[in-house]
Amino acid sequence: MSSSSDRFSLSNSGSERSKDSGSSRDDSSDREEVGSVGRIPVERVVEIREDPPEELAESNWPAKIGYEWVAADVWTQRSFFRWSCLLKSWLNCTPIFEKGVQRDIIAPERVTTVECACHGREGAAKEFFYMYICHFSQLHIRLPFDEFTMGVLRLLNVALTQLHPNSWAYLQAFRLLCMALYLEPSPRAFLYFFVTRPKSPITWLSLISRPGLNKLEAFTQTFKHFKDGFFKVVVKPAGRSHFYTADGNTKFPFFWTGNPWRYKVISREDLSVGEKEVVDTLMQFSDKMPTKGLIRVYNSVHPIIDIEGHMAQLGKKNLKLFQALRKEKAVKAKAAGNTVVPNLQDSLVDVHVHGGTKRKTELPIRVGKGKDMKKVRAVVMGTSSASGVKGPKAGLIELPETTQDLAA
C-alpha cells in the first residue's frame, strides 16, 4: 500500500526553478507549480509513502477468532499503527518514559492488520502488552508504571487497554494529588470514590463516581478517537523486573479478562489507617477539581505552581486549603522520618531552550526555605521574568516551609 500527502512550498524565483529543472528529482516526491500566494510562487509537493511488502501482505490474513465474549466494537477495531512508519512518526514526538529511566526496558512495536486491543498473547515468542497512544499523548502516563497504578489494574482485574481512558484520567489526577500532598496513593483509597458496572459482552471498563464523593471532574464527556491507536509494548530482558514478579507472574493483567471486578462500594471500614487519611484529606475539598488541568501538570516544569494555579481558579478557599494541607503533611512526613515521599518540588520534564539544545531545569533550593520562585521563573522564562516587569499575577504562592529533603 502506498499513500500520498500534499504540502506546499515557496520558491524563491522563477529563475531558480528554471535553473534546477534539469536536476534529478527526489524519488519519493513529485513537484508541480499550482499557482501563487500574492506574488509568491507556490509549489505542491506530493509525497509517496511506500509501505514494506510484508506489512502489505498482512491484509490477506484471516481474522482471529475466539473473542465473541468481547463487544463487537472492540474486537473488530483495527489500529492505524499496523504501519511501522506511522508508529515511528508518533513516537518521535510523544514521550513514553519516566524521566531518568533507561530506554532499554521495553520496545514499542507495531501491530499486525488482524490484531485488536483485546487479543491475547496467543503463543507469541515475545512478551508484550497493548497500549493506546492517548495513554501517553493525552493522559501523560509514563513507563515503567508505579506500584499504585499496577495495583489498581490488579484489583480491577483489567488490562491497560481494558480500562476506559476517562477512568485512566481519574487515576492520574488522584496520583498527582497524593504526590503533591505527601500522601501514599492506594488502590483501595482511589477506588473508594468510584463503583464499577462491568457489561456483557465485555467492553471498556468505566469507573463511575459515587454520589456525594465525586472530587474530580470528568476528563471529557466523550473520549474520542482512541480506539484505533493501539500498539505493542514488548518487554525487554532489562525491563522484566518492572513488569514481572520474582516468581515470573505479571504484576498486572497484560491482556483483557472476562471477569473485571464488580463492586458496589468500598466501605470505610475496609480501609487501612493510611487509606483513611488519603480519603479524609481529599474529602476536605468542597469543589470538584479539574482532572484535565491536573493531568497537564505531568508535563510541567514547576508542578506545584501549576497545581496552585488550578486550585486558585476554584476559589481562594481551595488554594489556602491546599497550601495548609501541604504544610501539615510535610511536617508529618518529616516527623515520621519519611524522606522518600515525592513532593513535586522537582521539574517533571526536560526543557527545550534557545539554540535547539535540551537540558534539565534544576529548580534552585534556598536552604531551609524551599524553592526560590524568582529564580525558577528566570530559569524557565528568562531573566526578564524575574525583574518584576509584567510578571505572573499574585496567587501562585510557593511554600517556604517545604523543603526538598525532608531529612534535612
Protein backbone atom coordinates (compact mmCIF):
# COMPACT_ATOMS: atom_id res chain seq x y z
CA MET A 1 0.00 0.00 0.00
CA SER A 2 1.21 3.47 -0.74
CA SER A 3 -0.23 6.79 0.24
CA SER A 4 0.33 10.37 -0.70
CA SER A 5 0.15 13.67 1.11
CA ASP A 6 0.24 17.21 -0.20
CA ARG A 7 2.36 20.03 1.18
CA PHE A 8 3.06 23.49 -0.17
CA SER A 9 6.49 25.05 -0.50
CA LEU A 10 7.57 28.54 -1.59
CA SER A 11 10.02 29.05 -4.44
CA ASN A 12 12.43 32.00 -4.34
CA SER A 13 12.20 32.93 -8.00
CA GLY A 14 11.26 31.63 -11.39
CA SER A 15 14.90 31.73 -12.48
CA GLU A 16 15.87 29.31 -9.71
CA ARG A 17 13.18 26.91 -10.85
CA SER A 18 14.39 27.02 -14.39
CA LYS A 19 17.98 26.53 -13.24
CA ASP A 20 17.01 23.43 -11.21
CA SER A 21 14.66 22.00 -13.79
CA GLY A 22 17.37 19.86 -15.29
CA SER A 23 18.41 18.34 -11.98
CA SER A 24 17.26 14.89 -10.88
CA ARG A 25 14.04 14.59 -8.87
CA ASP A 26 13.64 13.07 -5.49
CA ASP A 27 12.31 9.56 -5.99
CA SER A 28 9.80 9.97 -3.19
CA SER A 29 8.08 13.18 -4.30
CA ASP A 30 6.67 14.94 -7.35
CA ARG A 31 6.63 18.71 -7.74
CA GLU A 32 4.36 20.90 -9.83
CA GLU A 33 3.56 24.62 -9.69
CA VAL A 34 -0.07 25.20 -8.91
CA GLY A 35 -0.29 28.96 -8.52
CA SER A 36 0.81 31.70 -6.17
CA VAL A 37 0.01 33.36 -2.88
CA GLY A 38 0.01 37.07 -3.59
CA ARG A 39 3.17 37.49 -5.68
CA ILE A 40 4.92 34.44 -4.23
CA PRO A 41 5.01 31.33 -6.45
CA VAL A 42 3.79 28.19 -4.72
CA GLU A 43 4.69 24.58 -5.47
CA ARG A 44 2.78 21.47 -4.46
CA VAL A 45 4.88 18.57 -3.19
CA VAL A 46 3.21 15.15 -3.35
CA GLU A 47 4.99 12.73 -1.03
CA ILE A 48 4.57 9.00 -1.68
CA ARG A 49 4.85 6.62 1.26
CA GLU A 50 5.78 3.08 0.33
CA ASP A 51 4.85 0.52 2.98
CA PRO A 52 7.02 -2.61 3.36
CA PRO A 53 5.77 -5.62 1.36
CA GLU A 54 5.49 -7.80 4.48
CA GLU A 55 3.10 -5.27 6.04
CA LEU A 56 1.03 -5.12 2.86
CA ALA A 57 0.78 -8.93 2.74
CA GLU A 58 -0.93 -8.99 6.15
CA SER A 59 -4.11 -7.57 4.61
CA ASN A 60 -4.87 -11.09 3.31
CA TRP A 61 -4.55 -12.75 6.72
CA PRO A 62 -7.74 -14.26 8.20
CA ALA A 63 -9.27 -12.55 11.22
CA LYS A 64 -8.58 -14.09 14.64
CA ILE A 65 -11.44 -15.96 16.22
CA GLY A 66 -12.48 -16.81 19.76
CA TYR A 67 -13.21 -13.30 21.04
CA GLU A 68 -17.00 -13.34 20.85
CA TRP A 69 -17.08 -12.72 24.62
CA VAL A 70 -15.86 -9.19 23.84
CA ALA A 71 -18.15 -6.47 22.44
CA ALA A 72 -18.06 -6.26 18.65
CA ASP A 73 -16.85 -2.65 18.56
CA VAL A 74 -13.72 -3.81 20.43
CA TRP A 75 -12.73 -7.00 18.58
CA THR A 76 -13.49 -5.53 15.14
CA GLN A 77 -11.43 -2.37 15.69
CA ARG A 78 -8.10 -2.31 13.87
CA SER A 79 -5.18 0.02 14.59
CA PHE A 80 -3.55 2.50 12.25
CA PHE A 81 -0.30 1.55 13.98
CA ARG A 82 -0.20 -1.54 11.81
CA TRP A 83 2.07 0.64 9.68
CA SER A 84 5.53 0.92 11.25
CA CYS A 85 6.25 4.32 9.71
CA LEU A 86 3.22 5.83 11.44
CA LEU A 87 4.21 4.42 14.81
CA LYS A 88 7.76 5.76 14.46
CA SER A 89 6.40 9.16 13.49
CA TRP A 90 4.16 9.36 16.57
CA LEU A 91 6.81 8.12 18.98
CA ASN A 92 9.30 10.69 17.68
CA CYS A 93 7.16 13.42 19.23
CA THR A 94 5.44 11.56 22.09
CA PRO A 95 7.42 10.82 25.28
CA ILE A 96 6.68 7.41 26.80
CA PHE A 97 9.33 7.03 29.52
CA GLU A 98 9.51 8.43 33.04
CA LYS A 99 12.30 10.97 33.46
CA GLY A 100 15.64 9.32 34.19
CA VAL A 101 14.55 5.80 33.20
CA GLN A 102 16.68 3.60 30.93
CA ARG A 103 15.19 3.25 27.44
CA ASP A 104 16.11 -0.41 27.03
CA ILE A 105 13.38 -1.80 29.31
CA ILE A 106 10.73 -2.00 26.57
CA ALA A 107 10.43 -1.73 22.79
CA PRO A 108 7.33 -0.26 21.10
CA GLU A 109 6.25 -2.32 18.11
CA ARG A 110 3.53 -2.07 15.50
CA VAL A 111 0.61 -4.49 15.48
CA THR A 112 -0.46 -6.65 12.55
CA THR A 113 -3.51 -5.81 10.49
CA VAL A 114 -5.58 -8.54 12.20
CA GLU A 115 -4.75 -7.65 15.82
CA CYS A 116 -7.16 -6.00 18.21
CA ALA A 117 -6.60 -4.41 21.62
CA CYS A 118 -8.50 -7.26 23.30
CA HIS A 119 -6.36 -10.05 21.83
CA GLY A 120 -4.16 -12.28 23.96
CA ARG A 121 -0.57 -13.41 23.52
CA GLU A 122 -1.62 -16.48 21.52
CA GLY A 123 1.71 -18.26 21.64
CA ALA A 124 3.82 -15.26 20.55
CA ALA A 125 7.51 -15.59 21.39
CA LYS A 126 7.76 -12.03 22.68
CA GLU A 127 6.29 -10.87 25.98
CA PHE A 128 4.15 -7.80 25.42
CA PHE A 129 1.01 -5.86 26.29
CA TYR A 130 -1.06 -3.36 24.32
CA MET A 131 -1.34 0.37 24.99
CA TYR A 132 -3.13 3.28 23.35
CA ILE A 133 -1.16 6.29 22.10
CA CYS A 134 -3.59 8.52 24.06
CA HIS A 135 -2.18 6.99 27.26
CA PHE A 136 1.00 8.93 26.55
CA SER A 137 -0.07 11.89 24.41
CA GLN A 138 -3.15 12.99 26.39
CA LEU A 139 -3.01 11.27 29.78
CA HIS A 140 0.77 11.59 30.25
CA ILE A 141 1.25 8.04 31.51
CA ARG A 142 4.93 7.08 31.53
CA LEU A 143 6.82 3.79 31.65
CA PRO A 144 7.52 1.95 33.85
CA PHE A 145 4.35 2.03 35.96
CA ASP A 146 4.46 2.62 39.70
CA GLU A 147 3.09 0.14 42.24
CA PHE A 148 -0.09 2.17 42.72
CA THR A 149 -1.02 2.04 39.02
CA MET A 150 -0.31 -1.67 38.72
CA GLY A 151 -2.22 -2.27 41.96
CA VAL A 152 -5.34 -0.62 40.55
CA LEU A 153 -5.17 -2.81 37.44
CA ARG A 154 -4.73 -5.93 39.60
CA LEU A 155 -7.63 -5.03 41.88
CA LEU A 156 -9.94 -4.27 38.96
CA ASN A 157 -8.59 -7.31 37.08
CA VAL A 158 -8.31 -5.44 33.78
CA ALA A 159 -5.62 -4.91 31.17
CA LEU A 160 -4.25 -1.48 30.31
CA THR A 161 -6.42 -1.04 27.21
CA GLN A 162 -9.45 -2.50 29.02
CA LEU A 163 -9.74 0.46 31.41
CA HIS A 164 -11.51 3.36 29.71
CA PRO A 165 -9.30 6.46 29.11
CA ASN A 166 -11.64 8.66 31.17
CA SER A 167 -11.05 6.31 34.12
CA TRP A 168 -7.31 6.44 33.48
CA ALA A 169 -7.62 10.21 33.79
CA TYR A 170 -9.17 9.88 37.26
CA LEU A 171 -6.29 7.60 38.26
CA GLN A 172 -3.64 10.03 37.00
CA ALA A 173 -5.22 13.03 38.73
CA PHE A 174 -5.61 11.13 42.03
CA ARG A 175 -1.98 10.01 41.88
CA LEU A 176 -0.79 13.58 41.29
CA LEU A 177 -2.80 14.97 44.19
CA CYS A 178 -1.38 12.34 46.52
CA MET A 179 2.17 13.21 45.49
CA ALA A 180 1.51 16.92 45.98
CA LEU A 181 0.07 16.34 49.46
CA TYR A 182 2.72 13.90 50.71
CA LEU A 183 0.21 11.03 50.69
CA GLU A 184 0.84 7.42 49.72
CA PRO A 185 -1.62 6.60 46.89
CA SER A 186 -3.51 3.38 47.49
CA PRO A 187 -5.64 1.40 45.01
CA ARG A 188 -8.41 0.89 47.59
CA ALA A 189 -8.39 4.55 48.63
CA PHE A 190 -8.68 5.54 44.97
CA LEU A 191 -11.50 3.08 44.19
CA TYR A 192 -13.33 4.21 47.35
CA PHE A 193 -14.58 7.18 45.31
CA PHE A 194 -15.98 5.00 42.49
CA VAL A 195 -18.05 1.93 41.63
CA THR A 196 -17.87 -0.37 38.60
CA ARG A 197 -20.58 -1.94 36.46
CA PRO A 198 -18.94 -4.34 34.02
CA LYS A 199 -21.08 -5.13 30.98
CA SER A 200 -21.65 -8.29 28.99
CA PRO A 201 -20.26 -8.78 26.42
CA ILE A 202 -17.09 -7.30 27.86
CA THR A 203 -16.21 -3.78 26.81
CA TRP A 204 -14.07 -0.95 28.20
CA LEU A 205 -14.48 -0.71 31.97
CA SER A 206 -15.54 2.70 33.29
CA LEU A 207 -15.27 3.97 36.85
CA ILE A 208 -18.50 5.62 37.99
CA SER A 209 -18.23 8.34 40.63
CA ARG A 210 -20.11 7.71 43.85
CA PRO A 211 -22.78 10.34 44.61
CA GLY A 212 -21.57 12.86 47.15
CA LEU A 213 -17.95 11.68 46.92
CA ASN A 214 -17.02 12.95 43.47
CA LYS A 215 -13.94 15.15 43.87
CA LEU A 216 -12.71 15.03 40.26
CA GLU A 217 -14.32 16.33 37.10
CA ALA A 218 -14.54 14.03 34.08
CA PHE A 219 -11.58 14.44 31.73
CA THR A 220 -14.05 14.77 28.87
CA GLN A 221 -17.69 13.88 28.36
CA THR A 222 -16.84 11.77 25.32
CA PHE A 223 -13.29 10.49 24.86
CA LYS A 224 -12.99 10.28 21.08
CA HIS A 225 -10.54 8.78 18.59
CA PHE A 226 -8.64 6.47 20.92
CA LYS A 227 -9.87 3.05 19.79
CA ASP A 228 -7.75 2.78 16.64
CA GLY A 229 -4.48 3.96 18.21
CA PHE A 230 -3.08 0.89 19.97
CA PHE A 231 0.35 -0.72 19.60
CA LYS A 232 2.52 -3.32 21.33
CA VAL A 233 4.88 -2.66 24.23
CA VAL A 234 7.41 -5.50 24.18
CA VAL A 235 9.13 -6.22 27.50
CA LYS A 236 12.92 -6.47 27.10
CA PRO A 237 15.19 -8.53 29.38
CA ALA A 238 16.41 -5.36 31.12
CA GLY A 239 12.84 -4.44 31.99
CA ARG A 240 11.46 -7.72 33.32
CA SER A 241 11.74 -6.64 36.96
CA HIS A 242 9.44 -3.69 36.24
CA PHE A 243 6.62 -5.84 34.88
CA TYR A 244 7.12 -9.31 36.41
CA THR A 245 7.31 -10.60 39.97
CA ALA A 246 10.24 -12.69 41.19
CA ASP A 247 8.26 -15.89 40.55
CA GLY A 248 7.59 -14.94 36.93
CA ASN A 249 3.99 -13.69 37.16
CA THR A 250 2.94 -10.42 35.58
CA LYS A 251 2.41 -7.54 38.02
CA PHE A 252 -0.89 -6.68 36.31
CA PRO A 253 -3.09 -8.33 33.64
CA PHE A 254 -1.30 -7.99 30.31
CA PHE A 255 -4.40 -8.94 28.31
CA TRP A 256 -8.17 -8.48 28.51
CA THR A 257 -10.03 -10.51 31.10
CA GLY A 258 -13.58 -11.84 31.07
CA ASN A 259 -14.29 -11.03 34.71
CA PRO A 260 -13.44 -7.44 35.72
CA TRP A 261 -14.08 -6.70 39.38
CA ARG A 262 -17.67 -5.68 40.00
CA TYR A 263 -18.25 -3.85 43.29
CA LYS A 264 -20.94 -1.52 44.53
CA VAL A 265 -18.93 0.25 47.20
CA ILE A 266 -15.76 0.01 49.23
CA SER A 267 -16.77 0.75 52.81
CA ARG A 268 -14.72 2.96 55.02
CA GLU A 269 -14.31 0.10 57.49
CA ASP A 270 -12.40 -1.83 54.85
CA LEU A 271 -9.71 0.87 54.57
CA SER A 272 -6.46 0.92 56.49
CA VAL A 273 -5.40 3.87 58.64
CA GLY A 274 -3.24 5.27 55.83
CA GLU A 275 -6.02 4.83 53.28
CA LYS A 276 -8.50 6.63 55.54
CA GLU A 277 -6.04 9.53 55.78
CA VAL A 278 -5.94 9.80 51.98
CA VAL A 279 -9.74 9.74 51.74
CA ASP A 280 -10.27 12.22 54.60
CA THR A 281 -7.70 14.62 53.14
CA LEU A 282 -9.30 14.74 49.69
CA MET A 283 -12.80 14.98 51.17
CA GLN A 284 -11.85 18.34 52.69
CA PHE A 285 -12.02 19.93 49.24
CA SER A 286 -15.53 21.24 48.65
CA ASP A 287 -15.33 21.60 44.89
CA LYS A 288 -14.60 19.19 42.06
CA MET A 289 -11.03 19.53 40.88
CA PRO A 290 -10.15 19.88 37.18
CA THR A 291 -8.90 16.46 36.09
CA LYS A 292 -7.69 17.65 32.70
CA GLY A 293 -5.75 20.56 34.21
CA LEU A 294 -4.16 18.36 36.87
CA ILE A 295 -3.03 15.81 34.28
CA ARG A 296 -1.29 18.53 32.30
CA VAL A 297 0.88 19.13 35.36
CA TYR A 298 2.67 15.87 34.48
CA ASN A 299 4.16 17.87 31.62
CA SER A 300 5.12 20.80 33.85
CA VAL A 301 8.47 22.30 34.77
CA HIS A 302 7.13 23.75 38.02
CA PRO A 303 4.27 21.43 39.03
CA ILE A 304 3.37 22.88 42.44
CA ILE A 305 2.91 26.37 40.99
CA ASP A 306 0.64 24.94 38.30
CA ILE A 307 -1.41 22.93 40.81
CA GLU A 308 -1.82 26.04 42.95
CA GLY A 309 -2.99 27.87 39.85
CA HIS A 310 -5.73 25.31 39.30
CA MET A 311 -6.71 25.49 42.96
CA ALA A 312 -6.88 29.29 42.77
CA GLN A 313 -9.27 29.03 39.84
CA LEU A 314 -11.61 27.02 42.06
CA GLY A 315 -11.52 29.80 44.65
CA LYS A 316 -9.29 31.29 47.31
CA LYS A 317 -10.64 28.84 49.88
CA ASN A 318 -9.37 25.83 47.92
CA LEU A 319 -5.96 27.40 47.35
CA LYS A 320 -5.48 28.14 51.06
CA LEU A 321 -6.65 24.63 51.96
CA PHE A 322 -4.19 23.05 49.54
CA GLN A 323 -1.30 25.12 50.89
CA ALA A 324 -2.25 24.39 54.52
CA LEU A 325 -2.50 20.66 53.83
CA ARG A 326 0.90 20.61 52.15
CA LYS A 327 2.47 22.26 55.19
CA GLU A 328 0.72 19.89 57.58
CA LYS A 329 1.59 16.73 55.61
CA ALA A 330 5.20 17.83 55.11
CA VAL A 331 5.67 18.23 58.87
CA LYS A 332 4.05 14.86 59.48
CA ALA A 333 6.22 13.10 56.89
CA LYS A 334 9.36 14.67 58.33
CA ALA A 335 8.40 13.64 61.87
CA ALA A 336 7.88 10.07 60.66
CA GLY A 337 11.35 10.10 59.09
CA ASN A 338 9.95 9.60 55.59
CA THR A 339 12.47 11.11 53.19
CA VAL A 340 11.29 9.41 50.00
CA VAL A 341 7.73 10.70 49.64
CA PRO A 342 7.54 12.51 46.27
CA ASN A 343 6.54 16.14 46.76
CA LEU A 344 6.69 17.50 43.20
CA GLN A 345 9.34 20.09 44.04
CA ASP A 346 11.42 18.95 41.06
CA SER A 347 10.55 19.55 37.43
CA LEU A 348 8.82 16.61 35.77
CA VAL A 349 10.10 17.24 32.26
CA ASP A 350 13.13 18.31 30.27
CA VAL A 351 13.11 21.87 28.93
CA HIS A 352 13.88 23.00 25.39
CA VAL A 353 15.98 26.16 25.32
CA HIS A 354 17.11 28.51 22.59
CA GLY A 355 19.55 27.06 20.09
CA GLY A 356 17.78 23.74 19.76
CA THR A 357 19.50 22.17 22.76
CA LYS A 358 17.83 20.33 25.58
CA ARG A 359 18.59 20.39 29.29
CA LYS A 360 17.02 19.55 32.59
CA THR A 361 15.91 22.58 34.53
CA GLU A 362 17.16 22.45 38.09
CA LEU A 363 14.93 24.46 40.40
CA PRO A 364 17.10 26.42 42.88
CA ILE A 365 16.83 25.50 46.57
CA ARG A 366 17.12 28.05 49.37
CA VAL A 367 18.48 26.41 52.47
CA GLY A 368 15.57 25.77 54.84
CA LYS A 369 13.14 27.68 52.61
CA GLY A 370 12.40 25.51 49.58
CA LYS A 371 12.40 26.93 46.03
CA ASP A 372 13.29 30.48 45.07
CA MET A 373 10.41 31.15 42.66
CA LYS A 374 12.04 34.26 41.16
CA LYS A 375 15.00 32.15 40.11
CA VAL A 376 12.66 29.43 38.87
CA ARG A 377 10.95 31.90 36.57
CA ALA A 378 14.32 33.20 35.46
CA VAL A 379 15.50 29.70 34.58
CA VAL A 380 12.32 28.76 32.77
CA MET A 381 11.30 32.03 31.09
CA GLY A 382 14.45 34.15 31.05
CA THR A 383 15.90 36.78 33.36
CA SER A 384 13.35 39.43 32.39
CA SER A 385 10.61 37.39 34.05
CA ALA A 386 12.29 37.77 37.44
CA SER A 387 12.62 41.55 37.20
CA GLY A 388 9.09 42.22 38.32
CA VAL A 389 8.04 43.75 34.99
CA LYS A 390 4.83 42.16 33.72
CA GLY A 391 5.41 39.15 35.94
CA PRO A 392 2.87 36.48 36.79
CA LYS A 393 -0.09 37.58 38.84
CA ALA A 394 -0.02 37.06 42.58
CA GLY A 395 -1.76 33.99 43.89
CA LEU A 396 0.61 31.24 42.80
CA ILE A 397 2.33 31.01 46.13
CA GLU A 398 5.39 28.93 46.93
CA LEU A 399 5.53 27.20 50.28
CA PRO A 400 8.73 28.37 52.04
CA GLU A 401 8.38 25.85 54.85
CA THR A 402 8.54 22.89 52.45
CA THR A 403 11.98 21.58 51.67
CA GLN A 404 13.02 19.03 49.10
CA ASP A 405 14.96 16.88 51.55
CA LEU A 406 12.75 16.00 54.48
CA ALA A 407 15.70 14.59 56.38
CA ALA A 408 17.40 17.96 56.49
